[in-house]
Amino acid sequence: PMGFFMAWHRRKSILSTTLICAAISFAIEVLQPWITINR
């Protein structure tokens, strides 16, 4: 859904939209072990 909504809202290339979603995923993954338990 993030890829779908981002593509709908931003109307940019598939590559740039996917890279933004990858950056969001990266931020989540980096934060998980620091701000949540057992991640």
All heavy atoms as atom14 arrays in JSON, in Angstrom:
{
  "sequence": "PMGFFMAWHRRKSILSTTLICAAISFAIEVLQPWITINR",
  "atom14_mask": [
    [1, 1, 1, 1, 1, 1, 1, 0, 0, 0, 0, 0, 0, 0],
    [1, 1, 1, 1, 1, 1, 1, 1, 0, 0, 0, 0, 0, 0],
    [1, 1, 1, 1, 0, 0, 0, 0, 0, 0, 0, 0, 0, 0],
    [1, 1, 1, 1, 1, 1, 1, 1, 1, 1, 1, 0, 0, 0],
    [1, 1, 1, 1, 1, 1, 1, 1, 1, 1, 1, 0, 0, 0],
    [1, 1, 1, 1, 1, 1, 1, 1, 0, 0, 0, 0, 0, 0],
    [1, 1, 1, 1, 1, 0, 0, 0, 0, 0, 0, 0, 0, 0],
    [1, 1, 1, 1, 1, 1, 1, 1, 1, 1, 1, 1, 1, 1],
    [1, 1, 1, 1, 1, 1, 1, 1, 1, 1, 0, 0, 0, 0],
    [1, 1, 1, 1, 1, 1, 1, 1, 1, 1, 1, 0, 0, 0],
    [1, 1, 1, 1, 1, 1, 1, 1, 1, 1, 1, 0, 0, 0],
    [1, 1, 1, 1, 1, 1, 1, 1, 1, 0, 0, 0, 0, 0],
    [1, 1, 1, 1, 1, 1, 0, 0, 0, 0, 0, 0, 0, 0],
    [1, 1, 1, 1, 1, 1, 1, 1, 0, 0, 0, 0, 0, 0],
    [1, 1, 1, 1, 1, 1, 1, 1, 0, 0, 0, 0, 0, 0],
    [1, 1, 1, 1, 1, 1, 0, 0, 0, 0, 0, 0, 0, 0],
    [1, 1, 1, 1, 1, 1, 1, 0, 0, 0, 0, 0, 0, 0],
    [1, 1, 1, 1, 1, 1, 1, 0, 0, 0, 0, 0, 0, 0],
    [1, 1, 1, 1, 1, 1, 1, 1, 0, 0, 0, 0, 0, 0],
    [1, 1, 1, 1, 1, 1, 1, 1, 0, 0, 0, 0, 0, 0],
    [1, 1, 1, 1, 1, 1, 0, 0, 0, 0, 0, 0, 0, 0],
    [1, 1, 1, 1, 1, 0, 0, 0, 0, 0, 0, 0, 0, 0],
    [1, 1, 1, 1, 1, 0, 0, 0, 0, 0, 0, 0, 0, 0],
    [1, 1, 1, 1, 1, 1, 1, 1, 0, 0, 0, 0, 0, 0],
    [1, 1, 1, 1, 1, 1, 0, 0, 0, 0, 0, 0, 0, 0],
    [1, 1, 1, 1, 1, 1, 1, 1, 1, 1, 1, 0, 0, 0],
    [1, 1, 1, 1, 1, 0, 0, 0, 0, 0, 0, 0, 0, 0],
    [1, 1, 1, 1, 1, 1, 1, 1, 0, 0, 0, 0, 0, 0],
    [1, 1, 1, 1, 1, 1, 1, 1, 1, 0, 0, 0, 0, 0],
    [1, 1, 1, 1, 1, 1, 1, 0, 0, 0, 0, 0, 0, 0],
    [1, 1, 1, 1, 1, 1, 1, 1, 0, 0, 0, 0, 0, 0],
    [1, 1, 1, 1, 1, 1, 1, 1, 1, 0, 0, 0, 0, 0],
    [1, 1, 1, 1, 1, 1, 1, 0, 0, 0, 0, 0, 0, 0],
    [1, 1, 1, 1, 1, 1, 1, 1, 1, 1, 1, 1, 1, 1],
    [1, 1, 1, 1, 1, 1, 1, 1, 0, 0, 0, 0, 0, 0],
    [1, 1, 1, 1, 1, 1, 1, 0, 0, 0, 0, 0, 0, 0],
    [1, 1, 1, 1, 1, 1, 1, 1, 0, 0, 0, 0, 0, 0],
    [1, 1, 1, 1, 1, 1, 1, 1, 0, 0, 0, 0, 0, 0],
    [1, 1, 1, 1, 1, 1, 1, 1, 1, 1, 1, 0, 0, 0]
  ],
  "atom14_positions": [
    [[0.81, -1.22, 0.0], [0.0, 0.0, 0.0], [0.85, 1.28, 0.0], [0.46, 2.28, -0.59], [-0.82, -0.1, 1.29], [-0.83, -1.55, 1.61], [0.48, -2.09, 1.12], [0.0, 0.0, 0.0], [0.0, 0.0, 0.0], [0.0, 0.0, 0.0], [0.0, 0.0, 0.0], [0.0, 0.0, 0.0], [0.0, 0.0, 0.0], [0.0, 0.0, 0.0]],
    [[2.02, 1.23, 0.65], [2.87, 2.42, 0.66], [3.33, 2.76, -0.76], [3.28, 3.91, -1.18], [4.08, 2.23, 1.57], [4.91, 3.51, 1.67], [6.22, 3.42, 2.88], [5.3, 3.29, 4.39], [0.0, 0.0, 0.0], [0.0, 0.0, 0.0], [0.0, 0.0, 0.0], [0.0, 0.0, 0.0], [0.0, 0.0, 0.0], [0.0, 0.0, 0.0]],
    [[3.76, 1.74, -1.51], [4.15, 1.98, -2.9], [2.99, 2.49, -3.73], [3.14, 3.41, -4.54], [0.0, 0.0, 0.0], [0.0, 0.0, 0.0], [0.0, 0.0, 0.0], [0.0, 0.0, 0.0], [0.0, 0.0, 0.0], [0.0, 0.0, 0.0], [0.0, 0.0, 0.0], [0.0, 0.0, 0.0], [0.0, 0.0, 0.0], [0.0, 0.0, 0.0]],
    [[1.81, 1.92, -3.51], [0.61, 2.33, -4.24], [0.25, 3.78, -3.93], [0.08, 4.6, -4.82], [-0.56, 1.4, -3.89], [-1.78, 1.63, -4.73], [-1.96, 0.91, -5.9], [-2.75, 2.55, -4.37], [-3.08, 1.11, -6.69], [-3.88, 2.76, -5.14], [-4.04, 2.03, -6.31], [0.0, 0.0, 0.0], [0.0, 0.0, 0.0], [0.0, 0.0, 0.0]],
    [[0.13, 4.11, -2.62], [-0.25, 5.46, -2.22], [0.79, 6.5, -2.62], [0.45, 7.59, -3.03], [-0.51, 5.54, -0.71], [-1.87, 5.08, -0.3], [-2.01, 4.0, 0.55], [-3.01, 5.73, -0.73], [-3.27, 3.57, 0.95], [-4.27, 5.31, -0.34], [-4.39, 4.22, 0.5], [0.0, 0.0, 0.0], [0.0, 0.0, 0.0], [0.0, 0.0, 0.0]],
    [[2.07, 6.15, -2.46], [3.13, 7.09, -2.83], [3.1, 7.37, -4.33], [3.25, 8.52, -4.75], [4.51, 6.55, -2.45], [4.78, 6.66, -1.0], [5.55, 8.22, -0.67], [6.66, 7.75, 0.59], [0.0, 0.0, 0.0], [0.0, 0.0, 0.0], [0.0, 0.0, 0.0], [0.0, 0.0, 0.0], [0.0, 0.0, 0.0], [0.0, 0.0, 0.0]],
    [[2.92, 6.33, -5.13], [2.86, 6.52, -6.58], [1.64, 7.37, -6.95], [1.72, 8.23, -7.83], [2.8, 5.17, -7.29], [0.0, 0.0, 0.0], [0.0, 0.0, 0.0], [0.0, 0.0, 0.0], [0.0, 0.0, 0.0], [0.0, 0.0, 0.0], [0.0, 0.0, 0.0], [0.0, 0.0, 0.0], [0.0, 0.0, 0.0], [0.0, 0.0, 0.0]],
    [[0.54, 7.15, -6.27], [-0.68, 7.9, -6.54], [-0.51, 9.37, -6.14], [-0.86, 10.27, -6.9], [-1.82, 7.3, -5.75], [-3.19, 7.77, -6.13], [-3.54, 8.96, -6.71], [-4.4, 7.06, -5.96], [-4.89, 9.02, -6.89], [-5.44, 7.87, -6.43], [-4.7, 5.82, -5.43], [-6.76, 7.46, -6.4], [-6.03, 5.43, -5.41], [-7.05, 6.25, -5.89]],
    [[0.05, 9.58, -4.98], [0.17, 10.94, -4.45], [1.27, 11.74, -5.15], [1.1, 12.9, -5.47], [0.43, 10.87, -2.94], [0.6, 12.21, -2.31], [-0.43, 13.11, -2.19], [1.68, 12.81, -1.77], [0.02, 14.21, -1.61], [1.29, 14.06, -1.34], [0.0, 0.0, 0.0], [0.0, 0.0, 0.0], [0.0, 0.0, 0.0], [0.0, 0.0, 0.0]],
    [[2.42, 11.13, -5.37], [3.58, 11.85, -5.88], [3.63, 11.88, -7.41], [4.18, 12.8, -7.98], [4.88, 11.22, -5.36], [5.0, 11.34, -3.86], [6.32, 10.84, -3.34], [7.37, 11.77, -3.72], [8.38, 11.46, -4.53], [8.5, 10.27, -5.02], [9.3, 12.35, -4.82], [0.0, 0.0, 0.0], [0.0, 0.0, 0.0], [0.0, 0.0, 0.0]],
    [[3.13, 10.84, -8.05], [3.16, 10.71, -9.52], [4.56, 10.92, -10.08], [4.78, 11.67, -11.02], [2.16, 11.64, -10.17], [0.74, 11.3, -9.75], [-0.28, 12.02, -10.56], [-1.57, 11.9, -9.94], [-2.53, 11.12, -10.37], [-2.36, 10.39, -11.43], [-3.69, 11.09, -9.75], [0.0, 0.0, 0.0], [0.0, 0.0, 0.0], [0.0, 0.0, 0.0]],
    [[5.51, 10.27, -9.45], [6.91, 10.29, -9.89], [7.24, 8.93, -10.5], [6.41, 8.06, -10.61], [7.85, 10.58, -8.7], [7.6, 11.89, -8.02], [8.08, 13.03, -8.87], [7.9, 14.34, -8.12], [8.2, 15.48, -8.9], [0.0, 0.0, 0.0], [0.0, 0.0, 0.0], [0.0, 0.0, 0.0], [0.0, 0.0, 0.0], [0.0, 0.0, 0.0]],
    [[8.5, 8.75, -10.88], [8.9, 7.49, -11.49], [8.82, 6.34, -10.48], [8.85, 6.57, -9.27], [10.34, 7.59, -12.02], [11.26, 7.62, -10.94], [0.0, 0.0, 0.0], [0.0, 0.0, 0.0], [0.0, 0.0, 0.0], [0.0, 0.0, 0.0], [0.0, 0.0, 0.0], [0.0, 0.0, 0.0], [0.0, 0.0, 0.0], [0.0, 0.0, 0.0]],
    [[8.72, 5.15, -11.01], [8.69, 3.96, -10.15], [9.97, 3.89, -9.33], [9.92, 3.58, -8.13], [8.49, 2.69, -11.01], [7.08, 2.67, -11.6], [8.75, 1.43, -10.19], [6.82, 1.55, -12.56], [0.0, 0.0, 0.0], [0.0, 0.0, 0.0], [0.0, 0.0, 0.0], [0.0, 0.0, 0.0], [0.0, 0.0, 0.0], [0.0, 0.0, 0.0]],
    [[11.09, 4.2, -9.94], [12.37, 4.12, -9.23], [12.41, 5.09, -8.05], [12.76, 4.7, -6.93], [13.54, 4.4, -10.18], [14.92, 4.39, -9.53], [15.24, 3.02, -8.97], [15.97, 4.83, -10.52], [0.0, 0.0, 0.0], [0.0, 0.0, 0.0], [0.0, 0.0, 0.0], [0.0, 0.0, 0.0], [0.0, 0.0, 0.0], [0.0, 0.0, 0.0]],
    [[12.05, 6.36, -8.26], [12.13, 7.33, -7.17], [11.14, 6.99, -6.06], [11.47, 7.12, -4.88], [11.93, 8.75, -7.67], [10.61, 8.96, -8.1], [0.0, 0.0, 0.0], [0.0, 0.0, 0.0], [0.0, 0.0, 0.0], [0.0, 0.0, 0.0], [0.0, 0.0, 0.0], [0.0, 0.0, 0.0], [0.0, 0.0, 0.0], [0.0, 0.0, 0.0]],
    [[9.95, 6.54, -6.42], [8.96, 6.17, -5.41], [9.44, 4.96, -4.61], [9.33, 4.94, -3.39], [7.6, 5.87, -6.09], [7.2, 7.02, -6.83], [6.54, 5.53, -5.07], [0.0, 0.0, 0.0], [0.0, 0.0, 0.0], [0.0, 0.0, 0.0], [0.0, 0.0, 0.0], [0.0, 0.0, 0.0], [0.0, 0.0, 0.0], [0.0, 0.0, 0.0]],
    [[9.99, 3.98, -5.29], [10.5, 2.78, -4.6], [11.67, 3.14, -3.69], [11.77, 2.62, -2.57], [10.92, 1.71, -5.63], [9.79, 1.4, -6.46], [11.39, 0.45, -4.94], [0.0, 0.0, 0.0], [0.0, 0.0, 0.0], [0.0, 0.0, 0.0], [0.0, 0.0, 0.0], [0.0, 0.0, 0.0], [0.0, 0.0, 0.0], [0.0, 0.0, 0.0]],
    [[12.53, 4.05, -4.14], [13.67, 4.46, -3.3], [13.2, 5.21, -2.05], [13.78, 5.03, -0.97], [14.64, 5.31, -4.1], [15.47, 4.55, -5.14], [16.31, 5.52, -5.97], [16.34, 3.49, -4.5], [0.0, 0.0, 0.0], [0.0, 0.0, 0.0], [0.0, 0.0, 0.0], [0.0, 0.0, 0.0], [0.0, 0.0, 0.0], [0.0, 0.0, 0.0]],
    [[12.18, 6.02, -2.16], [11.64, 6.71, -0.98], [11.06, 5.69, 0.0], [11.29, 5.77, 1.21], [10.59, 7.76, -1.39], [11.28, 8.93, -2.08], [9.79, 8.24, -0.18], [10.34, 9.91, -2.72], [0.0, 0.0, 0.0], [0.0, 0.0, 0.0], [0.0, 0.0, 0.0], [0.0, 0.0, 0.0], [0.0, 0.0, 0.0], [0.0, 0.0, 0.0]],
    [[10.33, 4.72, -0.51], [9.78, 3.66, 0.35], [10.91, 2.85, 0.99], [10.81, 2.47, 2.16], [8.84, 2.76, -0.45], [7.33, 3.57, -0.99], [0.0, 0.0, 0.0], [0.0, 0.0, 0.0], [0.0, 0.0, 0.0], [0.0, 0.0, 0.0], [0.0, 0.0, 0.0], [0.0, 0.0, 0.0], [0.0, 0.0, 0.0], [0.0, 0.0, 0.0]],
    [[11.97, 2.6, 0.24], [13.13, 1.89, 0.79], [13.77, 2.7, 1.92], [14.18, 2.14, 2.94], [14.15, 1.59, -0.3], [0.0, 0.0, 0.0], [0.0, 0.0, 0.0], [0.0, 0.0, 0.0], [0.0, 0.0, 0.0], [0.0, 0.0, 0.0], [0.0, 0.0, 0.0], [0.0, 0.0, 0.0], [0.0, 0.0, 0.0], [0.0, 0.0, 0.0]],
    [[13.84, 4.01, 1.75], [14.41, 4.87, 2.8], [13.54, 4.84, 4.05], [14.06, 4.8, 5.18], [14.55, 6.3, 2.29], [0.0, 0.0, 0.0], [0.0, 0.0, 0.0], [0.0, 0.0, 0.0], [0.0, 0.0, 0.0], [0.0, 0.0, 0.0], [0.0, 0.0, 0.0], [0.0, 0.0, 0.0], [0.0, 0.0, 0.0], [0.0, 0.0, 0.0]],
    [[12.23, 4.82, 3.88], [11.32, 4.71, 5.03], [11.52, 3.37, 5.72], [11.6, 3.3, 6.96], [9.86, 4.91, 4.59], [9.64, 6.36, 4.13], [8.89, 4.54, 5.71], [8.34, 6.61, 3.42], [0.0, 0.0, 0.0], [0.0, 0.0, 0.0], [0.0, 0.0, 0.0], [0.0, 0.0, 0.0], [0.0, 0.0, 0.0], [0.0, 0.0, 0.0]],
    [[11.62, 2.3, 4.94], [11.86, 0.98, 5.51], [13.2, 0.94, 6.24], [13.31, 0.38, 7.33], [11.85, -0.09, 4.4], [12.16, -1.35, 4.93], [0.0, 0.0, 0.0], [0.0, 0.0, 0.0], [0.0, 0.0, 0.0], [0.0, 0.0, 0.0], [0.0, 0.0, 0.0], [0.0, 0.0, 0.0], [0.0, 0.0, 0.0], [0.0, 0.0, 0.0]],
    [[14.21, 1.55, 5.66], [15.53, 1.61, 6.3], [15.45, 2.33, 7.64], [16.01, 1.88, 8.64], [16.53, 2.31, 5.37], [17.91, 2.42, 5.94], [18.76, 1.32, 5.96], [18.36, 3.62, 6.47], [20.03, 1.42, 6.49], [19.62, 3.74, 7.0], [20.47, 2.63, 7.02], [0.0, 0.0, 0.0], [0.0, 0.0, 0.0], [0.0, 0.0, 0.0]],
    [[14.73, 3.45, 7.67], [14.57, 4.19, 8.93], [13.88, 3.34, 9.98], [14.29, 3.32, 11.16], [13.79, 5.48, 8.68], [0.0, 0.0, 0.0], [0.0, 0.0, 0.0], [0.0, 0.0, 0.0], [0.0, 0.0, 0.0], [0.0, 0.0, 0.0], [0.0, 0.0, 0.0], [0.0, 0.0, 0.0], [0.0, 0.0, 0.0], [0.0, 0.0, 0.0]],
    [[12.84, 2.62, 9.58], [12.14, 1.75, 10.52], [13.08, 0.68, 11.05], [13.15, 0.43, 12.26], [10.9, 1.1, 9.85], [9.81, 2.15, 9.62], [10.36, -0.06, 10.68], [8.66, 1.68, 8.76], [0.0, 0.0, 0.0], [0.0, 0.0, 0.0], [0.0, 0.0, 0.0], [0.0, 0.0, 0.0], [0.0, 0.0, 0.0], [0.0, 0.0, 0.0]],
    [[13.82, 0.04, 10.15], [14.72, -1.04, 10.56], [15.82, -0.54, 11.49], [16.18, -1.22, 12.44], [15.34, -1.73, 9.34], [14.37, -2.57, 8.56], [13.68, -3.64, 9.39], [14.37, -4.32, 10.19], [12.46, -3.79, 9.25], [0.0, 0.0, 0.0], [0.0, 0.0, 0.0], [0.0, 0.0, 0.0], [0.0, 0.0, 0.0], [0.0, 0.0, 0.0]],
    [[16.35, 0.64, 11.23], [17.41, 1.19, 12.1], [16.84, 1.56, 13.46], [17.49, 1.35, 14.49], [18.09, 2.4, 11.42], [18.97, 3.15, 12.39], [18.9, 1.93, 10.22], [0.0, 0.0, 0.0], [0.0, 0.0, 0.0], [0.0, 0.0, 0.0], [0.0, 0.0, 0.0], [0.0, 0.0, 0.0], [0.0, 0.0, 0.0], [0.0, 0.0, 0.0]],
    [[15.62, 2.09, 13.5], [15.02, 2.49, 14.76], [14.57, 1.32, 15.63], [14.6, 1.4, 16.85], [13.83, 3.42, 14.51], [14.15, 4.82, 14.05], [12.87, 5.56, 13.66], [14.88, 5.58, 15.14], [0.0, 0.0, 0.0], [0.0, 0.0, 0.0], [0.0, 0.0, 0.0], [0.0, 0.0, 0.0], [0.0, 0.0, 0.0], [0.0, 0.0, 0.0]],
    [[14.13, 0.23, 15.0], [13.53, -0.87, 15.75], [14.34, -1.35, 16.96], [13.79, -1.44, 18.05], [13.22, -2.05, 14.84], [11.92, -1.92, 14.12], [11.58, -3.13, 13.27], [12.44, -3.87, 12.85], [10.31, -3.29, 13.01], [0.0, 0.0, 0.0], [0.0, 0.0, 0.0], [0.0, 0.0, 0.0], [0.0, 0.0, 0.0], [0.0, 0.0, 0.0]],
    [[15.61, -1.68, 16.81], [16.3, -2.2, 17.99], [16.57, -1.14, 19.07], [16.89, -1.49, 20.2], [17.61, -2.76, 17.43], [17.81, -2.11, 16.13], [16.44, -1.74, 15.62], [0.0, 0.0, 0.0], [0.0, 0.0, 0.0], [0.0, 0.0, 0.0], [0.0, 0.0, 0.0], [0.0, 0.0, 0.0], [0.0, 0.0, 0.0], [0.0, 0.0, 0.0]],
    [[16.44, 0.13, 18.74], [16.73, 1.19, 19.69], [15.51, 1.67, 20.46], [15.64, 2.11, 21.6], [17.36, 2.39, 18.99], [18.71, 2.08, 18.44], [19.01, 1.79, 17.14], [19.94, 1.99, 19.15], [20.35, 1.53, 17.01], [20.95, 1.66, 18.23], [20.28, 2.17, 20.49], [22.27, 1.48, 18.59], [21.61, 2.01, 20.86], [22.59, 1.67, 19.92]],
    [[14.33, 1.64, 19.83], [13.15, 2.21, 20.51], [12.06, 1.18, 20.8], [11.0, 1.54, 21.29], [12.56, 3.4, 19.72], [11.95, 2.96, 18.39], [13.58, 4.48, 19.52], [11.15, 4.05, 17.71], [0.0, 0.0, 0.0], [0.0, 0.0, 0.0], [0.0, 0.0, 0.0], [0.0, 0.0, 0.0], [0.0, 0.0, 0.0], [0.0, 0.0, 0.0]],
    [[12.29, -0.08, 20.48], [11.33, -1.12, 20.82], [12.06, -2.27, 21.49], [13.27, -2.42, 21.39], [10.59, -1.64, 19.57], [11.55, -2.17, 18.65], [9.8, -0.55, 18.88], [0.0, 0.0, 0.0], [0.0, 0.0, 0.0], [0.0, 0.0, 0.0], [0.0, 0.0, 0.0], [0.0, 0.0, 0.0], [0.0, 0.0, 0.0], [0.0, 0.0, 0.0]],
    [[11.31, -3.09, 22.16], [11.87, -4.23, 22.89], [11.87, -5.46, 21.98], [10.91, -5.73, 21.27], [11.04, -4.52, 24.15], [10.97, -3.29, 25.05], [11.57, -5.73, 24.9], [12.28, -2.88, 25.67], [0.0, 0.0, 0.0], [0.0, 0.0, 0.0], [0.0, 0.0, 0.0], [0.0, 0.0, 0.0], [0.0, 0.0, 0.0], [0.0, 0.0, 0.0]],
    [[12.95, -6.19, 22.0], [13.08, -7.47, 21.28], [12.89, -7.35, 19.77], [12.26, -8.21, 19.15], [12.11, -8.51, 21.84], [12.39, -8.83, 23.28], [13.54, -8.84, 23.71], [11.34, -9.06, 24.05], [0.0, 0.0, 0.0], [0.0, 0.0, 0.0], [0.0, 0.0, 0.0], [0.0, 0.0, 0.0], [0.0, 0.0, 0.0], [0.0, 0.0, 0.0]],
    [[13.39, -6.31, 19.17], [13.31, -6.15, 17.72], [14.71, -6.2, 17.14], [15.69, -5.83, 17.78], [12.66, -4.83, 17.34], [11.2, -4.7, 17.72], [10.34, -5.6, 16.82], [8.95, -5.51, 17.16], [8.04, -4.91, 16.44], [8.36, -4.32, 15.3], [6.79, -4.88, 16.81], [0.0, 0.0, 0.0], [0.0, 0.0, 0.0], [0.0, 0.0, 0.0]]
  ]
}
